[in-house]
């Protein structure tokens, strides 16, 4: 039980310390001749549950080794990189050739064009970084205010980990953030899938019931209402195991099966009227 209390104390201490994430990139936003030094930190964090694989008998962590398909263990120095052409056929590139093709490291984001933020398809959004002023409070504040007032965002390029990405700089909660975007060929076109062709047209009664359900379930979004229940259940099991009182997670009650789509719509609509 003492270990559980100590674990809780350490977690509260870590949260109270307010440790700031380290800067992942530093450089400048450039708008013509205007130069705004900034540093970037990750705006998001991964709070999902992660497990470590252990050896069952001795409980020590598992280390993964590299083996070729011939069954030989391969030291890192003997690894080359193959560009796949077809099955089991590759063009071999060495590390120096790959390095030569990488973009030159850049410490600047040139704001090429200002665009309407809401015209950007969110499926292109990749990862967002919080931009902080780096001894550039006045110019940072000016750009932040202009973006807030106009609702505009700026498109440019950003070099991260030797990879050049499209980046969207925009206003977010009294700050400037940079969101990397996927390239156009990284987002699939749904038209490629034949499964979407010749779908049946819904009947009027089905459509009316579906619209009724949507109307009754409509409201303002509140993401704080959604919690990682899997994480909470795992953490509860860990605490119970540490205190030697194992608590099994409750099983969810099965929903009654519907005989047809119309039946499912009707039952759902009726349940929302209660």
Protein backbone atom coordinates (compact mmCIF):
# COMPACT_ATOMS: atom_id res chain seq x y z
CA UNK A 1 0.00 0.00 0.00
CA UNK A 2 2.93 2.33 0.78
CA UNK A 3 4.18 1.90 -2.79
CA UNK A 4 0.79 3.01 -4.16
CA UNK A 5 0.83 6.14 -1.98
CA UNK A 6 4.40 6.92 -3.05
CA UNK A 7 3.48 6.44 -6.74
CA UNK A 8 0.55 8.85 -6.39
CA UNK A 9 2.76 11.41 -4.60
CA UNK A 10 5.40 11.26 -7.35
CA UNK A 11 2.75 11.73 -10.06
CA UNK A 12 1.26 14.77 -8.26
CA UNK A 13 4.74 16.23 -7.77
CA UNK A 14 5.51 15.81 -11.48
CA UNK A 15 2.22 17.48 -12.47
CA UNK A 16 2.73 20.34 -9.97
CA UNK A 17 6.27 21.03 -11.15
CA UNK A 18 4.88 22.22 -14.48
CA UNK A 19 7.97 21.00 -16.30
CA UNK A 20 8.02 22.61 -19.73
CA UNK A 21 8.73 20.49 -22.81
CA UNK A 22 12.10 21.11 -24.44
CA UNK A 23 12.38 23.02 -27.69
CA UNK A 24 12.43 20.68 -30.71
CA UNK A 25 13.30 23.39 -33.24
CA UNK A 26 14.47 26.99 -33.16
CA UNK A 27 14.63 29.46 -36.01
CA UNK A 28 12.65 32.32 -37.47
CA UNK A 29 9.37 33.13 -39.12
CA UNK A 30 10.10 35.33 -42.14
CA UNK A 31 7.50 37.60 -43.68
CA UNK A 32 9.32 39.59 -46.37
CA UNK A 33 11.99 41.55 -44.49
CA UNK A 34 10.31 40.93 -41.13
CA UNK A 35 12.21 38.32 -39.08
CA UNK A 36 10.59 36.76 -35.98
CA UNK A 37 12.86 34.40 -33.97
CA UNK A 38 10.86 31.55 -32.40
CA UNK A 39 11.33 28.16 -30.77
CA UNK A 40 8.97 25.23 -31.26
CA UNK A 41 7.76 22.74 -28.66
CA UNK A 42 5.27 19.94 -29.17
CA UNK A 43 1.71 21.13 -28.53
CA UNK A 44 0.43 17.59 -27.95
CA UNK A 45 1.60 14.69 -25.81
CA UNK A 46 1.01 10.96 -25.90
CA UNK A 47 -0.72 9.88 -22.69
CA UNK A 48 -1.74 6.45 -24.00
CA UNK A 49 -0.81 3.28 -22.14
CA UNK A 50 2.49 1.75 -23.26
CA UNK A 51 3.70 -1.67 -22.15
CA UNK A 52 7.26 -3.02 -22.07
CA UNK A 53 7.79 -6.63 -23.17
CA UNK A 54 9.51 -8.69 -20.43
CA UNK A 55 10.92 -12.19 -20.24
CA UNK A 56 8.29 -14.24 -18.38
CA UNK A 57 10.77 -16.11 -16.18
CA UNK A 58 13.19 -13.35 -15.09
CA UNK A 59 11.04 -10.24 -15.75
CA UNK A 60 13.85 -8.42 -17.61
CA UNK A 61 13.11 -6.26 -20.70
CA UNK A 62 13.27 -7.83 -24.15
CA UNK A 63 15.86 -6.45 -26.59
CA UNK A 64 15.11 -6.78 -30.28
CA UNK A 65 17.90 -7.89 -32.63
CA UNK A 66 18.20 -7.54 -36.41
CA UNK A 67 18.24 -10.70 -38.51
CA UNK A 68 18.34 -11.09 -42.29
CA UNK A 69 16.09 -13.60 -44.04
CA UNK A 70 19.01 -16.04 -44.16
CA UNK A 71 18.83 -16.20 -40.36
CA UNK A 72 22.06 -14.33 -39.61
CA UNK A 73 22.22 -11.55 -37.01
CA UNK A 74 23.24 -8.32 -38.75
CA UNK A 75 25.30 -5.61 -37.01
CA UNK A 76 24.10 -2.06 -37.67
CA UNK A 77 27.26 -1.23 -39.64
CA UNK A 78 26.43 -3.92 -42.24
CA UNK A 79 23.00 -2.52 -43.06
CA UNK A 80 22.41 -0.80 -46.41
CA UNK A 81 19.20 0.74 -47.70
CA UNK A 82 17.22 -0.66 -50.62
CA UNK A 83 14.66 1.24 -52.70
CA UNK A 84 12.04 -1.42 -53.59
CA UNK A 85 11.29 -1.95 -57.30
CA UNK A 86 9.34 -5.19 -57.18
CA UNK A 87 9.31 -8.35 -55.10
CA UNK A 88 12.87 -9.07 -53.84
CA UNK A 89 14.41 -6.48 -56.19
CA UNK A 90 15.99 -3.29 -54.88
CA UNK A 91 18.25 -0.43 -55.90
CA UNK A 92 20.90 -0.15 -53.18
CA UNK A 93 21.66 3.31 -51.78
CA UNK A 94 24.30 3.94 -49.17
CA UNK A 95 23.92 6.38 -46.29
CA UNK A 96 26.01 9.11 -47.95
CA UNK A 97 23.82 9.05 -51.08
CA UNK A 98 20.67 9.33 -48.98
CA UNK A 99 22.16 12.17 -46.91
CA UNK A 100 23.07 14.05 -50.11
CA UNK A 101 19.42 13.96 -51.24
CA UNK A 102 18.09 15.40 -47.99
CA UNK A 103 17.12 19.09 -47.95
CA UNK A 104 19.60 21.56 -46.55
CA UNK A 105 18.90 22.22 -42.91
CA UNK A 106 16.98 25.46 -42.60
CA UNK A 107 16.34 27.54 -39.52
CA UNK A 108 13.66 29.66 -41.17
CA UNK A 109 10.03 29.30 -42.16
CA UNK A 110 9.34 31.63 -45.07
CA UNK A 111 5.68 32.63 -44.96
CA UNK A 112 4.97 32.36 -48.71
CA UNK A 113 1.23 33.04 -48.76
CA UNK A 114 -1.60 33.92 -46.38
CA UNK A 115 -4.70 31.76 -46.75
CA UNK A 116 -8.09 31.20 -45.14
CA UNK A 117 -7.47 28.68 -42.36
CA UNK A 118 -10.90 27.06 -42.79
CA UNK A 119 -10.19 26.26 -46.46
CA UNK A 120 -7.53 23.74 -45.40
CA UNK A 121 -8.80 20.16 -45.46
CA UNK A 122 -8.13 18.85 -41.89
CA UNK A 123 -7.17 15.44 -43.29
CA UNK A 124 -3.89 17.06 -44.35
CA UNK A 125 -3.03 18.06 -40.76
CA UNK A 126 -0.13 16.07 -39.32
CA UNK A 127 1.48 17.38 -36.10
CA UNK A 128 1.20 20.73 -34.35
CA UNK A 129 3.98 22.65 -32.59
CA UNK A 130 3.58 25.59 -30.25
CA UNK A 131 5.72 28.53 -31.38
CA UNK A 132 7.16 30.65 -28.57
CA UNK A 133 8.86 34.05 -28.95
CA UNK A 134 12.64 33.85 -28.74
CA UNK A 135 13.62 37.40 -27.71
CA UNK A 136 11.08 38.60 -30.28
CA UNK A 137 8.12 39.62 -28.12
CA UNK A 138 7.10 42.71 -30.13
CA UNK A 139 7.21 41.15 -33.63
CA UNK A 140 5.68 37.87 -32.35
CA UNK A 141 2.83 39.78 -30.71
CA UNK A 142 2.22 41.75 -33.91
CA UNK A 143 1.94 38.64 -36.11
CA UNK A 144 -0.26 36.94 -33.51
CA UNK A 145 -2.62 39.90 -33.42
CA UNK A 146 -2.81 40.16 -37.22
CA UNK A 147 -3.62 36.47 -37.55
CA UNK A 148 -6.26 36.64 -34.81
CA UNK A 149 -7.89 39.71 -36.39
CA UNK A 150 -7.88 38.53 -40.01
CA UNK A 151 -8.45 34.81 -39.41
CA UNK A 152 -5.66 34.13 -41.89
CA UNK A 153 -2.98 31.43 -41.69
CA UNK A 154 0.37 31.35 -43.50
CA UNK A 155 1.81 28.54 -45.64
CA UNK A 156 5.55 27.82 -45.76
CA UNK A 157 8.11 25.03 -45.43
CA UNK A 158 9.83 23.65 -42.34
CA UNK A 159 12.82 21.32 -42.03
CA UNK A 160 12.39 18.85 -39.16
CA UNK A 161 14.65 15.83 -38.58
CA UNK A 162 16.22 16.29 -42.04
CA UNK A 163 12.78 16.14 -43.68
CA UNK A 164 11.12 19.10 -45.37
CA UNK A 165 7.42 19.47 -44.63
CA UNK A 166 4.70 21.90 -45.66
CA UNK A 167 3.79 23.95 -42.60
CA UNK A 168 0.75 26.05 -41.70
CA UNK A 169 1.40 28.83 -39.19
CA UNK A 170 -1.80 30.01 -37.51
CA UNK A 171 -3.37 31.55 -34.39
CA UNK A 172 -4.47 29.30 -31.52
CA UNK A 173 -5.50 30.36 -27.99
CA UNK A 174 -3.36 33.53 -27.74
CA UNK A 175 -0.40 31.82 -29.38
CA UNK A 176 1.09 31.07 -32.76
CA UNK A 177 1.35 27.42 -33.73
CA UNK A 178 2.85 25.57 -36.69
CA UNK A 179 1.01 22.54 -38.06
CA UNK A 180 2.89 20.31 -40.48
CA UNK A 181 0.78 19.18 -43.45
CA UNK A 182 0.85 16.03 -45.52
CA UNK A 183 1.74 16.32 -49.20
CA UNK A 184 -1.12 15.94 -51.68
CA UNK A 185 -0.08 12.39 -52.66
CA UNK A 186 -0.16 11.28 -49.00
CA UNK A 187 -3.96 11.60 -48.72
CA UNK A 188 -6.00 8.96 -50.55
CA UNK A 189 -8.79 9.91 -52.94
CA UNK A 190 -11.99 8.01 -51.92
CA UNK A 191 -12.92 7.74 -55.63
CA UNK A 192 -10.26 5.03 -55.94
CA UNK A 193 -12.44 2.59 -53.99
CA UNK A 194 -15.12 0.73 -55.89
CA UNK A 195 -16.90 -0.04 -52.59
CA UNK A 196 -18.34 3.49 -52.70
CA UNK A 197 -19.88 3.17 -56.15
CA UNK A 198 -23.54 2.30 -56.77
CA UNK A 199 -24.58 2.55 -53.11
CA UNK A 200 -28.36 2.27 -52.61
CA UNK A 201 -30.36 5.47 -52.06
CA UNK A 202 -31.87 5.52 -48.52
CA UNK A 203 -35.65 5.46 -48.20
CA UNK A 204 -37.58 8.50 -46.96
CA UNK A 205 -38.67 6.88 -43.66
CA UNK A 206 -35.11 5.75 -42.89
CA UNK A 207 -33.76 9.21 -43.71
CA UNK A 208 -36.39 10.91 -41.55
CA UNK A 209 -35.53 8.71 -38.55
CA UNK A 210 -31.80 9.22 -39.06
CA UNK A 211 -32.27 13.00 -39.19
CA UNK A 212 -34.38 12.83 -36.02
CA UNK A 213 -31.58 10.94 -34.23
CA UNK A 214 -28.95 13.44 -35.42
CA UNK A 215 -31.14 16.36 -34.30
CA UNK A 216 -31.64 14.89 -30.81
CA UNK A 217 -27.92 14.12 -30.42
CA UNK A 218 -26.77 17.53 -31.67
CA UNK A 219 -25.08 19.99 -29.30
CA UNK A 220 -21.86 21.85 -28.56
CA UNK A 221 -18.62 19.88 -28.57
CA UNK A 222 -16.86 19.26 -25.24
CA UNK A 223 -13.76 17.10 -25.66
CA UNK A 224 -13.20 17.09 -21.88
CA UNK A 225 -16.26 14.86 -21.62
CA UNK A 226 -14.31 12.09 -23.39
CA UNK A 227 -11.75 10.16 -21.35
CA UNK A 228 -9.35 7.34 -22.16
CA UNK A 229 -11.34 4.64 -20.37
CA UNK A 230 -8.90 1.90 -21.39
CA UNK A 231 -6.05 3.83 -19.73
CA UNK A 232 -8.15 4.38 -16.59
CA UNK A 233 -9.00 0.67 -16.35
CA UNK A 234 -5.35 -0.38 -16.80
CA UNK A 235 -4.17 2.12 -14.16
CA UNK A 236 -6.87 0.90 -11.76
CA UNK A 237 -5.67 -2.70 -12.25
CA UNK A 238 -2.04 -1.63 -11.66
CA UNK A 239 -2.97 0.15 -8.42
CA UNK A 240 -5.00 -2.84 -7.24
CA UNK A 241 -2.16 -5.26 -8.01
CA UNK A 242 0.31 -3.07 -6.11
CA UNK A 243 -2.01 -3.07 -3.09
CA UNK A 244 -2.71 -6.82 -3.42
CA UNK A 245 -6.46 -6.28 -3.96
CA UNK A 246 -7.07 -7.13 -7.59
CA UNK A 247 -10.12 -5.44 -9.05
CA UNK A 248 -11.41 -6.82 -12.34
CA UNK A 249 -12.86 -4.25 -14.77
CA UNK A 250 -16.63 -4.32 -15.15
CA UNK A 251 -17.92 -5.86 -18.36
CA UNK A 252 -20.05 -3.66 -20.58
CA UNK A 253 -23.67 -4.69 -20.93
CA UNK A 254 -24.51 -6.00 -24.38
CA UNK A 255 -26.92 -3.90 -26.39
CA UNK A 256 -30.08 -5.60 -27.69
CA UNK A 257 -29.66 -6.71 -31.29
CA UNK A 258 -31.78 -5.06 -33.97
CA UNK A 259 -33.41 -7.19 -36.65
CA UNK A 260 -33.01 -4.62 -39.44
CA UNK A 261 -31.74 -1.14 -40.21
CA UNK A 262 -35.25 0.30 -39.82
CA UNK A 263 -35.64 -1.52 -36.51
CA UNK A 264 -32.31 -0.13 -35.26
CA UNK A 265 -33.29 3.41 -36.28
CA UNK A 266 -36.69 3.15 -34.62
CA UNK A 267 -35.30 1.72 -31.36
CA UNK A 268 -32.59 4.41 -31.22
CA UNK A 269 -35.06 7.24 -31.87
CA UNK A 270 -37.42 5.92 -29.18
CA UNK A 271 -34.61 5.63 -26.61
CA UNK A 272 -33.70 9.30 -27.16
CA UNK A 273 -37.28 10.41 -26.45
CA UNK A 274 -37.13 9.09 -22.88
